[in-house]
Amino acid sequence: MTKAQLLEQSTFIEIMIALLEPSMIDIVSWHVSAFYEANRNYPRSVLNGVLIKAISNCNASGNSFSKAYLDKILETFNNYKINTTQLVIKFLDNKHNHSYKHKKKVVFVPEYMEEYEELLKN
């Protein structure tokens, strides 16, 4: 089976069984089913991609996740216009996507700032 077929045909239960420890399935199953129910107008492959992304992020940190976290990842998918199976595959395969890292704000410092700070010290 190809990745596209797996994303389109798998249920969220099958994904959770394949990727989560049994104890974690009990913790997150309500959140996942509520997420799928609330977003049934999205293609299954997109919802499955959101679930896979959440599981991979939380497995790396050792935490569980909630419906709110799944909603946040879906919002990220929407911001990146990920709405087809092929785009989901491309996003999940990209190991270097920085969708959850904050960009550092660059602050302008005038040239005279060092002199001004010296004057304040004296």
C-alpha atoms as a PDB file:
ATOM      1  CA  MET A   1       0.000   0.000   0.000  1.00  0.00           C
ATOM      2  CA  THR A   2       1.281   3.485  -0.825  1.00  0.00           C
ATOM      3  CA  LYS A   3       1.456   6.365   1.643  1.00  0.00           C
ATOM      4  CA  ALA A   4      -1.455   8.038  -0.110  1.00  0.00           C
ATOM      5  CA  GLN A   5      -3.620   4.938   0.196  1.00  0.00           C
ATOM      6  CA  LEU A   6      -2.712   4.554   3.854  1.00  0.00           C
ATOM      7  CA  LEU A   7      -3.653   8.157   4.607  1.00  0.00           C
ATOM      8  CA  GLU A   8      -6.918   7.953   2.706  1.00  0.00           C
ATOM      9  CA  GLN A   9      -8.101   4.550   3.909  1.00  0.00           C
ATOM     10  CA  SER A  10      -6.850   4.238   7.500  1.00  0.00           C
ATOM     11  CA  THR A  11      -9.079   5.039  10.434  1.00  0.00           C
ATOM     12  CA  PHE A  12      -7.819   7.024  13.385  1.00  0.00           C
ATOM     13  CA  ILE A  13      -8.075   3.898  15.547  1.00  0.00           C
ATOM     14  CA  GLU A  14      -5.693   2.045  13.220  1.00  0.00           C
ATOM     15  CA  ILE A  15      -3.235   4.946  13.289  1.00  0.00           C
ATOM     16  CA  MET A  16      -3.330   5.159  17.079  1.00  0.00           C
ATOM     17  CA  ILE A  17      -2.803   1.391  17.442  1.00  0.00           C
ATOM     18  CA  ALA A  18       0.144   1.518  15.050  1.00  0.00           C
ATOM     19  CA  LEU A  19       1.879   4.577  16.519  1.00  0.00           C
ATOM     20  CA  LEU A  20       0.947   4.828  20.197  1.00  0.00           C
ATOM     21  CA  GLU A  21       1.570   2.722  23.255  1.00  0.00           C
ATOM     22  CA  PRO A  22      -1.597   1.014  24.560  1.00  0.00           C
ATOM     23  CA  SER A  23      -1.679   3.161  27.702  1.00  0.00           C
ATOM     24  CA  MET A  24      -1.584   6.356  25.599  1.00  0.00           C
ATOM     25  CA  ILE A  25      -4.477   5.197  23.412  1.00  0.00           C
ATOM     26  CA  ASP A  26      -6.807   5.259  26.414  1.00  0.00           C
ATOM     27  CA  ILE A  27      -5.668   8.772  27.335  1.00  0.00           C
ATOM     28  CA  VAL A  28      -6.085  10.416  23.914  1.00  0.00           C
ATOM     29  CA  SER A  29      -8.863   8.391  22.251  1.00  0.00           C
ATOM     30  CA  TRP A  30     -11.663  10.730  23.381  1.00  0.00           C
ATOM     31  CA  HIS A  31      -9.773  13.794  22.135  1.00  0.00           C
ATOM     32  CA  VAL A  32      -9.060  12.185  18.767  1.00  0.00           C
ATOM     33  CA  SER A  33     -12.638  11.019  18.211  1.00  0.00           C
ATOM     34  CA  ALA A  34     -13.975  14.475  19.171  1.00  0.00           C
ATOM     35  CA  PHE A  35     -11.500  16.076  16.748  1.00  0.00           C
ATOM     36  CA  TYR A  36     -12.549  13.812  13.870  1.00  0.00           C
ATOM     37  CA  GLU A  37     -16.232  14.387  14.639  1.00  0.00           C
ATOM     38  CA  ALA A  38     -15.840  18.173  14.743  1.00  0.00           C
ATOM     39  CA  ASN A  39     -13.876  18.274  11.470  1.00  0.00           C
ATOM     40  CA  ARG A  40     -15.654  15.688   9.340  1.00  0.00           C
ATOM     41  CA  ASN A  41     -15.846  18.138   6.415  1.00  0.00           C
ATOM     42  CA  TYR A  42     -12.066  17.775   5.901  1.00  0.00           C
ATOM     43  CA  PRO A  43     -10.650  14.927   3.822  1.00  0.00           C
ATOM     44  CA  ARG A  44      -9.702  11.904   5.904  1.00  0.00           C
ATOM     45  CA  SER A  45      -6.124  12.081   4.657  1.00  0.00           C
ATOM     46  CA  VAL A  46      -5.725  15.604   6.087  1.00  0.00           C
ATOM     47  CA  LEU A  47      -7.178  14.592   9.462  1.00  0.00           C
ATOM     48  CA  ASN A  48      -4.973  11.498   9.509  1.00  0.00           C
ATOM     49  CA  GLY A  49      -1.953  13.683   8.685  1.00  0.00           C
ATOM     50  CA  VAL A  50      -2.813  15.974  11.607  1.00  0.00           C
ATOM     51  CA  LEU A  51      -3.035  12.956  13.906  1.00  0.00           C
ATOM     52  CA  ILE A  52       0.285  11.536  12.687  1.00  0.00           C
ATOM     53  CA  LYS A  53       1.977  14.930  13.168  1.00  0.00           C
ATOM     54  CA  ALA A  54       0.571  15.234  16.712  1.00  0.00           C
ATOM     55  CA  ILE A  55       1.679  11.727  17.619  1.00  0.00           C
ATOM     56  CA  SER A  56       5.178  12.259  16.238  1.00  0.00           C
ATOM     57  CA  ASN A  57       5.558  15.589  18.070  1.00  0.00           C
ATOM     58  CA  CYS A  58       4.285  14.185  21.360  1.00  0.00           C
ATOM     59  CA  ASN A  59       6.225  10.912  21.130  1.00  0.00           C
ATOM     60  CA  ALA A  60       9.399  12.951  20.767  1.00  0.00           C
ATOM     61  CA  SER A  61       8.629  14.875  23.957  1.00  0.00           C
ATOM     62  CA  GLY A  62       6.968  12.003  25.834  1.00  0.00           C
ATOM     63  CA  ASN A  63       3.706  13.885  26.399  1.00  0.00           C
ATOM     64  CA  SER A  64       0.086  13.207  25.513  1.00  0.00           C
ATOM     65  CA  PHE A  65      -2.073  15.611  23.513  1.00  0.00           C
ATOM     66  CA  SER A  66      -5.607  16.987  23.501  1.00  0.00           C
ATOM     67  CA  LYS A  67      -8.217  18.075  20.979  1.00  0.00           C
ATOM     68  CA  ALA A  68      -6.946  21.648  21.294  1.00  0.00           C
ATOM     69  CA  TYR A  69      -3.488  20.511  20.191  1.00  0.00           C
ATOM     70  CA  LEU A  70      -4.980  18.694  17.208  1.00  0.00           C
ATOM     71  CA  ASP A  71      -6.952  21.853  16.345  1.00  0.00           C
ATOM     72  CA  LYS A  72      -3.740  23.879  16.478  1.00  0.00           C
ATOM     73  CA  ILE A  73      -1.986  21.497  14.094  1.00  0.00           C
ATOM     74  CA  LEU A  74      -5.003  21.622  11.757  1.00  0.00           C
ATOM     75  CA  GLU A  75      -4.738  25.416  11.844  1.00  0.00           C
ATOM     76  CA  THR A  76      -1.086  25.077  10.833  1.00  0.00           C
ATOM     77  CA  PHE A  77      -2.109  22.801   7.973  1.00  0.00           C
ATOM     78  CA  ASN A  78      -4.667  25.416   6.898  1.00  0.00           C
ATOM     79  CA  ASN A  79      -2.060  28.196   7.083  1.00  0.00           C
ATOM     80  CA  TYR A  80       0.248  26.184   4.850  1.00  0.00           C
ATOM     81  CA  LYS A  81      -2.725  25.337   2.579  1.00  0.00           C
ATOM     82  CA  ILE A  82      -2.257  21.601   3.112  1.00  0.00           C
ATOM     83  CA  ASN A  83      -5.561  20.233   1.862  1.00  0.00           C
ATOM     84  CA  THR A  84      -4.695  17.269  -0.348  1.00  0.00           C
ATOM     85  CA  THR A  85      -3.169  13.879   0.274  1.00  0.00           C
ATOM     86  CA  GLN A  86      -0.018  14.710  -1.694  1.00  0.00           C
ATOM     87  CA  LEU A  87       0.571  17.921   0.266  1.00  0.00           C
ATOM     88  CA  VAL A  88       0.072  16.043   3.551  1.00  0.00           C
ATOM     89  CA  ILE A  89       2.665  13.461   2.503  1.00  0.00           C
ATOM     90  CA  LYS A  90       5.105  16.183   1.483  1.00  0.00           C
ATOM     91  CA  PHE A  91       4.616  18.010   4.812  1.00  0.00           C
ATOM     92  CA  LEU A  92       5.021  14.867   6.904  1.00  0.00           C
ATOM     93  CA  ASP A  93       8.102  13.761   4.957  1.00  0.00           C
ATOM     94  CA  ASN A  94       9.774  17.151   5.458  1.00  0.00           C
ATOM     95  CA  LYS A  95      11.833  16.516   8.593  1.00  0.00           C
ATOM     96  CA  HIS A  96      12.944  20.129   8.754  1.00  0.00           C
ATOM     97  CA  ASN A  97       9.620  21.949   8.782  1.00  0.00           C
ATOM     98  CA  HIS A  98       9.790  24.589  11.469  1.00  0.00           C
ATOM     99  CA  SER A  99       6.102  25.191  11.849  1.00  0.00           C
ATOM    100  CA  TYR A 100       6.277  25.164  15.635  1.00  0.00           C
ATOM    101  CA  LYS A 101       9.394  27.253  16.222  1.00  0.00           C
ATOM    102  CA  HIS A 102       9.072  30.915  16.993  1.00  0.00           C
ATOM    103  CA  LYS A 103      11.005  33.298  14.843  1.00  0.00           C
ATOM    104  CA  LYS A 104      13.443  35.478  16.727  1.00  0.00           C
ATOM    105  CA  LYS A 105      12.507  39.122  16.659  1.00  0.00           C
ATOM    106  CA  VAL A 106      15.257  41.365  15.338  1.00  0.00           C
ATOM    107  CA  VAL A 107      15.463  44.662  17.203  1.00  0.00           C
ATOM    108  CA  PHE A 108      17.011  47.715  15.602  1.00  0.00           C
ATOM    109  CA  VAL A 109      19.842  49.201  17.676  1.00  0.00           C
ATOM    110  CA  PRO A 110      20.998  52.674  16.655  1.00  0.00           C
ATOM    111  CA  GLU A 111      24.711  53.322  16.158  1.00  0.00           C
ATOM    112  CA  TYR A 112      24.881  55.841  18.984  1.00  0.00           C
ATOM    113  CA  MET A 113      23.433  53.425  21.579  1.00  0.00           C
ATOM    114  CA  GLU A 114      26.827  52.401  23.034  1.00  0.00           C
ATOM    115  CA  GLU A 115      27.845  56.015  23.584  1.00  0.00           C
ATOM    116  CA  TYR A 116      24.473  56.771  25.138  1.00  0.00           C
ATOM    117  CA  GLU A 117      24.791  53.840  27.535  1.00  0.00           C
ATOM    118  CA  GLU A 118      28.284  55.021  28.542  1.00  0.00           C
ATOM    119  CA  LEU A 119      26.928  58.486  29.283  1.00  0.00           C
ATOM    120  CA  LEU A 120      24.216  56.983  31.452  1.00  0.00           C
ATOM    121  CA  LYS A 121      26.740  54.959  33.437  1.00  0.00           C
ATOM    122  CA  ASN A 122      28.831  58.050  34.231  1.00  0.00           C
END
